[in-house]
Amino acid sequence: QVQLVESGGGSVRAGGSLRLSCAASGYTYSSYCMGWFRQAPGKEREGVATIDRDGRTSYAVSVKGRFTISKDNAKNTLYLQMNGLKPEDTANYYCAADLRGGSWCLEGPKEIMSLTLFDYWGQGTQVTVSS
């Protein structure tokens, strides 16, 4: 059974940093597209960043240059390093995985990436940024 468990959320002041982790189990880590999504109160869930099996990445415009998605295959763990946090980054952050992968993983605006492309989701971790 595939399981994704996020951690690392918390409360920080604007300009601060956090690193989110997503521990994955139950599948072969190398065959996938993985991503981070976020959902703020009253808003739809939106894509933040994706990474394909070869480590290539794609980002939403609002986080490019501030956030970095990465993975450690040996640990089966996905990361999201978030620097220069802003109050508008406040949201519940989710990791997601698709076991098939494909060119779609890096294509198109992350903000409107379809949630249905991903088969598995974590439970989310809250990030709160105060001004």
Protein backbone atom coordinates (compact mmCIF):
# COMPACT_ATOMS: atom_id res chain seq x y z
CA GLN A 1 0.00 0.00 0.00
CA VAL A 2 1.39 3.36 -1.04
CA GLN A 3 1.73 5.83 1.79
CA LEU A 4 2.95 9.43 1.86
CA VAL A 5 3.62 11.22 5.13
CA GLU A 6 4.51 14.91 5.25
CA SER A 7 6.34 16.70 8.04
CA GLY A 8 8.20 19.93 8.67
CA GLY A 9 5.41 22.46 8.67
CA GLY A 10 5.20 25.22 11.24
CA SER A 11 4.89 28.93 11.90
CA VAL A 12 7.54 31.41 10.76
CA ARG A 13 7.91 35.13 10.23
CA ALA A 14 8.01 36.57 6.74
CA GLY A 15 11.43 36.09 5.20
CA GLY A 16 12.03 32.88 7.12
CA SER A 17 12.62 29.36 5.87
CA LEU A 18 11.14 25.90 6.31
CA ARG A 19 11.93 22.50 4.84
CA LEU A 20 9.08 20.11 4.26
CA SER A 21 9.64 16.37 3.97
CA CYS A 22 7.48 13.64 2.47
CA ALA A 23 8.36 10.06 3.39
CA ALA A 24 7.12 7.58 0.82
CA SER A 25 6.59 3.85 1.16
CA GLY A 26 4.93 0.99 -0.64
CA TYR A 27 6.26 1.47 -4.18
CA THR A 28 9.40 1.67 -6.28
CA TYR A 29 10.50 5.24 -5.82
CA SER A 30 12.21 5.58 -9.17
CA SER A 31 9.07 5.22 -11.29
CA TYR A 32 7.14 8.39 -10.67
CA CYS A 33 6.31 12.00 -10.91
CA MET A 34 6.09 13.64 -7.50
CA GLY A 35 4.86 17.03 -6.52
CA TRP A 36 4.00 19.50 -3.82
CA PHE A 37 0.62 21.20 -3.73
CA ARG A 38 -0.89 23.70 -1.32
CA GLN A 39 -4.33 24.80 -0.29
CA ALA A 40 -5.10 28.04 1.51
CA PRO A 41 -8.40 28.57 3.36
CA GLY A 42 -11.20 29.24 0.93
CA LYS A 43 -9.05 28.52 -2.10
CA GLU A 44 -8.56 25.58 -4.40
CA ARG A 45 -5.57 23.29 -4.09
CA GLU A 46 -2.81 24.41 -6.45
CA GLY A 47 0.44 22.96 -7.67
CA VAL A 48 3.69 24.33 -6.29
CA ALA A 49 6.46 22.18 -7.78
CA THR A 50 7.05 18.84 -9.45
CA ILE A 51 10.04 16.56 -9.94
CA ASP A 52 10.37 13.69 -12.40
CA ARG A 53 12.24 10.41 -12.14
CA ASP A 54 15.41 12.00 -13.50
CA GLY A 55 15.35 14.86 -11.01
CA ARG A 56 14.19 17.55 -13.40
CA THR A 57 11.96 20.13 -11.78
CA SER A 58 9.20 22.58 -12.54
CA TYR A 59 7.78 25.39 -10.36
CA ALA A 60 4.82 27.66 -10.00
CA VAL A 61 5.61 31.25 -10.95
CA SER A 62 4.91 32.52 -7.44
CA VAL A 63 7.55 30.30 -5.81
CA LYS A 64 10.23 30.11 -8.48
CA GLY A 65 13.55 31.26 -7.11
CA ARG A 66 12.40 30.85 -3.50
CA PHE A 67 11.39 27.17 -3.25
CA THR A 68 13.42 24.11 -4.22
CA ILE A 69 11.99 20.62 -4.71
CA SER A 70 14.37 17.70 -4.35
CA LYS A 71 14.43 14.01 -3.51
CA ASP A 72 16.60 11.43 -1.85
CA ASN A 73 15.98 8.09 -3.55
CA ALA A 74 17.92 6.17 -0.92
CA LYS A 75 15.62 7.50 1.79
CA ASN A 76 12.46 7.49 -0.36
CA THR A 77 11.91 11.07 0.72
CA LEU A 78 10.75 14.15 -1.15
CA TYR A 79 11.65 17.63 0.09
CA LEU A 80 10.52 21.20 -0.39
CA GLN A 81 12.98 23.83 0.78
CA MET A 82 11.11 27.10 1.21
CA ASN A 83 13.11 30.31 1.58
CA GLY A 84 11.98 33.92 1.64
CA LEU A 85 8.54 32.91 2.87
CA LYS A 86 5.69 35.37 2.47
CA PRO A 87 2.31 35.58 4.24
CA GLU A 88 0.66 34.50 0.98
CA ASP A 89 2.53 31.18 1.23
CA THR A 90 0.36 30.28 4.23
CA ALA A 91 -1.46 27.04 3.38
CA ASN A 92 -1.70 23.35 4.04
CA TYR A 93 1.00 21.69 1.94
CA TYR A 94 0.51 18.23 0.42
CA CYS A 95 2.84 15.89 -1.38
CA ALA A 96 1.54 13.71 -4.18
CA ALA A 97 2.84 10.85 -6.28
CA ASP A 98 2.07 9.25 -9.60
CA LEU A 99 3.71 5.91 -10.29
CA ARG A 100 3.66 6.15 -14.07
CA GLY A 101 5.23 9.56 -14.67
CA GLY A 102 5.44 11.11 -18.11
CA SER A 103 6.23 14.35 -19.90
CA TRP A 104 3.20 15.99 -18.29
CA CYS A 105 5.09 15.99 -15.00
CA LEU A 106 7.09 19.07 -16.02
CA GLU A 107 4.75 20.61 -18.58
CA GLY A 108 2.32 23.48 -18.15
CA PRO A 109 1.67 25.95 -15.36
CA LYS A 110 1.91 24.27 -11.99
CA GLU A 111 -0.80 26.53 -10.58
CA ILE A 112 -3.48 24.81 -12.66
CA MET A 113 -2.04 21.31 -12.69
CA SER A 114 -4.80 18.75 -12.49
CA LEU A 115 -5.05 16.95 -9.16
CA THR A 116 -6.29 13.85 -10.95
CA LEU A 117 -2.84 13.27 -12.47
CA PHE A 118 -1.66 12.05 -9.09
CA ASP A 119 -2.84 8.78 -7.59
CA TYR A 120 -1.54 9.16 -4.06
CA TRP A 121 -1.64 12.00 -1.54
CA GLY A 122 -0.31 12.72 1.91
CA GLN A 123 -2.39 14.12 4.73
CA GLY A 124 -0.85 17.59 4.57
CA THR A 125 1.28 19.78 6.81
CA GLN A 126 0.38 23.33 7.79
CA VAL A 127 2.65 26.26 6.98
CA THR A 128 1.81 29.64 8.52
CA VAL A 129 3.77 32.77 7.66
CA SER A 130 3.19 35.92 9.68
CA SER A 131 4.05 39.43 8.60
